[in-house]
Amino acid sequence: MKYVAVFMVVLVLLAGALGIYTYANVKLQVASIELQAYPATQQETDFLGWQAAVDNGAVTGTAFTESIPGTAENYSYFVYTLRLRNKGLLDAEMVEIQPVPVNGDVLSYSTTDMASINANTVIPSGSERDVWTVVITSRQNQENHIVTRSFYITYYVWGIPVTVTAVYN
């Protein structure tokens, strides 16, 4: 009976160590970040919708200002594609990309037309996936070739949030 108790204690300790090891090794890696920039006049109807949503307080993304003054000619879209790699043993769930705003940014949102809603994005263990975020910014930022931007990447493992950062240069 004593041997069974010792065996059970060792088994529980090994299972706990395996759980801790598994959780500790779920770290998303940013394999690449790509940027597409284009003037808001190419998506003027979309821009007007976002402008109205900010004015009405009905934005599904993150508004950095209380309003978007001016017309589409004054703004640009920056579409960032982040390829995320999960080398861990557990899935990374509900992956969300949050760009850190720079001067001139008015709005950021995750796209729903490029694969799936990012909030429902799951990156299975041992795989990689592209996740998109869009920043609407003043046209000056595109003309000045703003090239450095930071991102917070938040995901959940076993219901616990984990945040990593990435920088686009």
C-alpha atoms as a PDB file:
ATOM      1  CA  MET A   1       0.000   0.000   0.000  1.00  0.00           C
ATOM      2  CA  LYS A   2       2.872   2.332   0.779  1.00  0.00           C
ATOM      3  CA  TYR A   3       4.334   1.767  -2.703  1.00  0.00           C
ATOM      4  CA  VAL A   4       1.031   2.590  -4.355  1.00  0.00           C
ATOM      5  CA  ALA A   5       0.816   5.864  -2.408  1.00  0.00           C
ATOM      6  CA  VAL A   6       4.378   6.822  -3.390  1.00  0.00           C
ATOM      7  CA  PHE A   7       3.650   5.895  -7.014  1.00  0.00           C
ATOM      8  CA  MET A   8       0.499   8.042  -7.005  1.00  0.00           C
ATOM      9  CA  VAL A   9       2.349  11.033  -5.530  1.00  0.00           C
ATOM     10  CA  VAL A  10       5.078  10.717  -8.175  1.00  0.00           C
ATOM     11  CA  LEU A  11       2.431  10.386 -10.892  1.00  0.00           C
ATOM     12  CA  VAL A  12       0.641  13.545  -9.699  1.00  0.00           C
ATOM     13  CA  LEU A  13       3.928  15.475  -9.574  1.00  0.00           C
ATOM     14  CA  LEU A  14       4.818  14.369 -13.104  1.00  0.00           C
ATOM     15  CA  ALA A  15       1.365  15.332 -14.401  1.00  0.00           C
ATOM     16  CA  GLY A  16       1.666  18.749 -12.733  1.00  0.00           C
ATOM     17  CA  ALA A  17       5.151  19.279 -14.178  1.00  0.00           C
ATOM     18  CA  LEU A  18       3.883  18.326 -17.646  1.00  0.00           C
ATOM     19  CA  GLY A  19       0.985  20.791 -17.319  1.00  0.00           C
ATOM     20  CA  ILE A  20       3.286  23.609 -16.222  1.00  0.00           C
ATOM     21  CA  TYR A  21       5.766  22.815 -19.001  1.00  0.00           C
ATOM     22  CA  THR A  22       2.981  22.726 -21.592  1.00  0.00           C
ATOM     23  CA  TYR A  23       1.516  26.052 -20.443  1.00  0.00           C
ATOM     24  CA  ALA A  24       4.903  27.767 -20.153  1.00  0.00           C
ATOM     25  CA  ASN A  25       5.868  26.859 -23.723  1.00  0.00           C
ATOM     26  CA  VAL A  26       2.854  28.340 -25.493  1.00  0.00           C
ATOM     27  CA  LYS A  27       4.427  31.484 -26.874  1.00  0.00           C
ATOM     28  CA  LEU A  28       3.304  32.928 -30.172  1.00  0.00           C
ATOM     29  CA  GLN A  29       6.162  33.996 -32.377  1.00  0.00           C
ATOM     30  CA  VAL A  30       5.821  36.672 -35.020  1.00  0.00           C
ATOM     31  CA  ALA A  31       7.225  35.119 -38.192  1.00  0.00           C
ATOM     32  CA  SER A  32       6.677  38.222 -40.330  1.00  0.00           C
ATOM     33  CA  ILE A  33       4.828  41.524 -40.522  1.00  0.00           C
ATOM     34  CA  GLU A  34       3.795  42.984 -43.860  1.00  0.00           C
ATOM     35  CA  LEU A  35       2.309  46.399 -44.585  1.00  0.00           C
ATOM     36  CA  GLN A  36       0.040  47.534 -47.386  1.00  0.00           C
ATOM     37  CA  ALA A  37      -0.682  51.262 -47.454  1.00  0.00           C
ATOM     38  CA  TYR A  38      -3.203  52.918 -49.731  1.00  0.00           C
ATOM     39  CA  PRO A  39      -5.219  56.141 -49.730  1.00  0.00           C
ATOM     40  CA  ALA A  40      -8.668  56.080 -48.148  1.00  0.00           C
ATOM     41  CA  THR A  41     -10.104  57.358 -51.433  1.00  0.00           C
ATOM     42  CA  GLN A  42      -9.760  53.796 -52.771  1.00  0.00           C
ATOM     43  CA  GLN A  43     -12.313  52.693 -50.138  1.00  0.00           C
ATOM     44  CA  GLU A  44     -14.280  55.899 -49.806  1.00  0.00           C
ATOM     45  CA  THR A  45     -17.626  54.230 -48.972  1.00  0.00           C
ATOM     46  CA  ASP A  46     -15.936  52.136 -46.298  1.00  0.00           C
ATOM     47  CA  PHE A  47     -14.183  55.227 -44.936  1.00  0.00           C
ATOM     48  CA  LEU A  48     -17.466  57.165 -44.723  1.00  0.00           C
ATOM     49  CA  GLY A  49     -18.986  54.250 -42.796  1.00  0.00           C
ATOM     50  CA  TRP A  50     -16.141  54.297 -40.289  1.00  0.00           C
ATOM     51  CA  GLN A  51     -16.362  58.087 -40.026  1.00  0.00           C
ATOM     52  CA  ALA A  52     -20.077  57.851 -39.188  1.00  0.00           C
ATOM     53  CA  ALA A  53     -19.448  54.996 -36.718  1.00  0.00           C
ATOM     54  CA  VAL A  54     -16.887  57.092 -34.821  1.00  0.00           C
ATOM     55  CA  ASP A  55     -19.237  60.085 -34.766  1.00  0.00           C
ATOM     56  CA  ASN A  56     -22.049  57.876 -33.404  1.00  0.00           C
ATOM     57  CA  GLY A  57     -19.876  56.022 -30.893  1.00  0.00           C
ATOM     58  CA  ALA A  58     -20.596  52.718 -32.633  1.00  0.00           C
ATOM     59  CA  VAL A  59     -17.093  51.591 -33.599  1.00  0.00           C
ATOM     60  CA  THR A  60     -16.346  47.861 -33.515  1.00  0.00           C
ATOM     61  CA  GLY A  61     -12.631  48.628 -33.412  1.00  0.00           C
ATOM     62  CA  THR A  62     -10.629  51.147 -31.410  1.00  0.00           C
ATOM     63  CA  ALA A  63     -11.153  54.855 -32.034  1.00  0.00           C
ATOM     64  CA  PHE A  64      -8.137  56.947 -31.090  1.00  0.00           C
ATOM     65  CA  THR A  65     -10.019  60.231 -31.559  1.00  0.00           C
ATOM     66  CA  GLU A  66     -13.583  61.394 -30.867  1.00  0.00           C
ATOM     67  CA  SER A  67     -14.218  62.145 -34.535  1.00  0.00           C
ATOM     68  CA  ILE A  68     -12.601  61.773 -37.944  1.00  0.00           C
ATOM     69  CA  PRO A  69     -12.620  65.282 -39.417  1.00  0.00           C
ATOM     70  CA  GLY A  70     -12.157  65.980 -43.096  1.00  0.00           C
ATOM     71  CA  THR A  71     -12.639  63.758 -46.111  1.00  0.00           C
ATOM     72  CA  ALA A  72     -11.155  60.517 -47.378  1.00  0.00           C
ATOM     73  CA  GLU A  73      -8.449  62.502 -49.212  1.00  0.00           C
ATOM     74  CA  ASN A  74      -6.920  63.335 -45.802  1.00  0.00           C
ATOM     75  CA  TYR A  75      -6.454  59.703 -44.695  1.00  0.00           C
ATOM     76  CA  SER A  76      -4.750  56.448 -45.560  1.00  0.00           C
ATOM     77  CA  TYR A  77      -5.319  52.814 -44.711  1.00  0.00           C
ATOM     78  CA  PHE A  78      -2.410  50.808 -43.306  1.00  0.00           C
ATOM     79  CA  VAL A  79      -3.174  47.083 -43.457  1.00  0.00           C
ATOM     80  CA  TYR A  80      -0.781  45.012 -41.349  1.00  0.00           C
ATOM     81  CA  THR A  81      -0.570  41.261 -41.877  1.00  0.00           C
ATOM     82  CA  LEU A  82       1.089  39.442 -38.993  1.00  0.00           C
ATOM     83  CA  ARG A  83       2.056  35.814 -39.540  1.00  0.00           C
ATOM     84  CA  LEU A  84       1.949  34.184 -36.114  1.00  0.00           C
ATOM     85  CA  ARG A  85       3.557  30.837 -35.321  1.00  0.00           C
ATOM     86  CA  ASN A  86       2.544  28.646 -32.388  1.00  0.00           C
ATOM     87  CA  LYS A  87       5.295  26.168 -31.517  1.00  0.00           C
ATOM     88  CA  GLY A  88       3.673  25.193 -28.224  1.00  0.00           C
ATOM     89  CA  LEU A  89       1.649  22.111 -27.351  1.00  0.00           C
ATOM     90  CA  LEU A  90      -1.616  24.025 -26.719  1.00  0.00           C
ATOM     91  CA  ASP A  91      -3.800  26.124 -29.006  1.00  0.00           C
ATOM     92  CA  ALA A  92      -3.616  29.910 -28.752  1.00  0.00           C
ATOM     93  CA  GLU A  93      -7.238  31.071 -28.672  1.00  0.00           C
ATOM     94  CA  MET A  94      -8.970  34.396 -29.342  1.00  0.00           C
ATOM     95  CA  VAL A  95      -5.903  36.049 -30.848  1.00  0.00           C
ATOM     96  CA  GLU A  96      -6.207  39.823 -31.018  1.00  0.00           C
ATOM     97  CA  ILE A  97      -3.828  42.392 -32.503  1.00  0.00           C
ATOM     98  CA  GLN A  98      -3.755  45.873 -30.953  1.00  0.00           C
ATOM     99  CA  PRO A  99      -1.575  48.458 -32.702  1.00  0.00           C
ATOM    100  CA  VAL A 100      -0.004  51.126 -30.522  1.00  0.00           C
ATOM    101  CA  PRO A 101      -1.241  54.442 -31.957  1.00  0.00           C
ATOM    102  CA  VAL A 102       1.144  57.048 -33.310  1.00  0.00           C
ATOM    103  CA  ASN A 103       0.414  60.715 -33.932  1.00  0.00           C
ATOM    104  CA  GLY A 104      -2.169  60.990 -36.701  1.00  0.00           C
ATOM    105  CA  ASP A 105      -3.900  57.640 -36.155  1.00  0.00           C
ATOM    106  CA  VAL A 106      -7.669  57.888 -35.823  1.00  0.00           C
ATOM    107  CA  LEU A 107      -8.942  54.293 -35.824  1.00  0.00           C
ATOM    108  CA  SER A 108      -7.867  50.653 -35.842  1.00  0.00           C
ATOM    109  CA  TYR A 109      -9.937  47.551 -36.438  1.00  0.00           C
ATOM    110  CA  SER A 110      -9.555  43.901 -37.214  1.00  0.00           C
ATOM    111  CA  THR A 111     -10.745  42.804 -40.598  1.00  0.00           C
ATOM    112  CA  THR A 112     -13.647  40.421 -41.097  1.00  0.00           C
ATOM    113  CA  ASP A 113     -13.289  39.988 -44.824  1.00  0.00           C
ATOM    114  CA  MET A 114      -9.825  38.449 -45.065  1.00  0.00           C
ATOM    115  CA  ALA A 115     -10.330  35.078 -43.339  1.00  0.00           C
ATOM    116  CA  SER A 116     -12.242  35.335 -40.093  1.00  0.00           C
ATOM    117  CA  ILE A 117     -12.949  37.668 -37.249  1.00  0.00           C
ATOM    118  CA  ASN A 118      -9.652  37.952 -35.397  1.00  0.00           C
ATOM    119  CA  ALA A 119     -11.362  37.714 -32.011  1.00  0.00           C
ATOM    120  CA  ASN A 120     -12.338  34.143 -32.931  1.00  0.00           C
ATOM    121  CA  THR A 121      -8.943  33.264 -34.346  1.00  0.00           C
ATOM    122  CA  VAL A 122      -7.394  30.107 -32.983  1.00  0.00           C
ATOM    123  CA  ILE A 123      -3.826  29.177 -33.841  1.00  0.00           C
ATOM    124  CA  PRO A 124      -3.518  25.430 -33.304  1.00  0.00           C
ATOM    125  CA  SER A 125      -0.379  24.025 -31.752  1.00  0.00           C
ATOM    126  CA  GLY A 126       2.438  23.538 -34.227  1.00  0.00           C
ATOM    127  CA  SER A 127       0.915  25.766 -36.906  1.00  0.00           C
ATOM    128  CA  GLU A 128       0.982  29.332 -38.154  1.00  0.00           C
ATOM    129  CA  ARG A 129      -1.702  31.724 -39.293  1.00  0.00           C
ATOM    130  CA  ASP A 130      -2.067  35.210 -40.695  1.00  0.00           C
ATOM    131  CA  VAL A 131      -3.937  37.800 -38.641  1.00  0.00           C
ATOM    132  CA  TRP A 132      -4.809  41.270 -39.939  1.00  0.00           C
ATOM    133  CA  THR A 133      -5.327  44.669 -38.429  1.00  0.00           C
ATOM    134  CA  VAL A 134      -6.113  47.938 -40.196  1.00  0.00           C
ATOM    135  CA  VAL A 135      -5.120  51.423 -39.042  1.00  0.00           C
ATOM    136  CA  ILE A 136      -6.742  54.509 -40.518  1.00  0.00           C
ATOM    137  CA  THR A 137      -4.246  57.325 -40.205  1.00  0.00           C
ATOM    138  CA  SER A 138      -3.664  60.812 -41.544  1.00  0.00           C
ATOM    139  CA  ARG A 139      -2.286  61.057 -45.062  1.00  0.00           C
ATOM    140  CA  GLN A 140       0.816  62.761 -43.630  1.00  0.00           C
ATOM    141  CA  ASN A 141       1.892  59.492 -42.034  1.00  0.00           C
ATOM    142  CA  GLN A 142       1.895  57.754 -45.414  1.00  0.00           C
ATOM    143  CA  GLU A 143       3.705  60.652 -47.057  1.00  0.00           C
ATOM    144  CA  ASN A 144       6.288  60.715 -44.229  1.00  0.00           C
ATOM    145  CA  HIS A 145       6.759  56.942 -44.585  1.00  0.00           C
ATOM    146  CA  ILE A 146       6.028  56.042 -40.975  1.00  0.00           C
ATOM    147  CA  VAL A 147       7.786  52.703 -40.742  1.00  0.00           C
ATOM    148  CA  THR A 148       7.973  51.850 -37.056  1.00  0.00           C
ATOM    149  CA  ARG A 149       4.877  50.593 -35.260  1.00  0.00           C
ATOM    150  CA  SER A 150       4.425  48.423 -32.178  1.00  0.00           C
ATOM    151  CA  PHE A 151       1.714  45.819 -31.659  1.00  0.00           C
ATOM    152  CA  TYR A 152       0.329  44.043 -28.638  1.00  0.00           C
ATOM    153  CA  ILE A 153      -0.700  40.497 -29.452  1.00  0.00           C
ATOM    154  CA  THR A 154      -3.079  39.056 -26.873  1.00  0.00           C
ATOM    155  CA  TYR A 155      -4.237  35.447 -26.832  1.00  0.00           C
ATOM    156  CA  TYR A 156      -5.666  32.986 -24.329  1.00  0.00           C
ATOM    157  CA  VAL A 157      -4.321  29.665 -23.090  1.00  0.00           C
ATOM    158  CA  TRP A 158      -6.617  27.726 -20.756  1.00  0.00           C
ATOM    159  CA  GLY A 159      -8.622  30.929 -20.346  1.00  0.00           C
ATOM    160  CA  ILE A 160      -5.608  32.899 -19.122  1.00  0.00           C
ATOM    161  CA  PRO A 161      -4.602  35.950 -21.210  1.00  0.00           C
ATOM    162  CA  VAL A 162      -1.033  36.178 -22.506  1.00  0.00           C
ATOM    163  CA  THR A 163       0.373  39.269 -24.218  1.00  0.00           C
ATOM    164  CA  VAL A 164       3.466  39.547 -26.401  1.00  0.00           C
ATOM    165  CA  THR A 165       4.745  42.547 -28.330  1.00  0.00           C
ATOM    166  CA  ALA A 166       6.009  42.941 -31.869  1.00  0.00           C
ATOM    167  CA  VAL A 167       7.533  45.828 -33.771  1.00  0.00           C
ATOM    168  CA  TYR A 168       7.217  46.552 -37.479  1.00  0.00           C
ATOM    169  CA  ASN A 169      10.276  48.286 -38.932  1.00  0.00           C
END
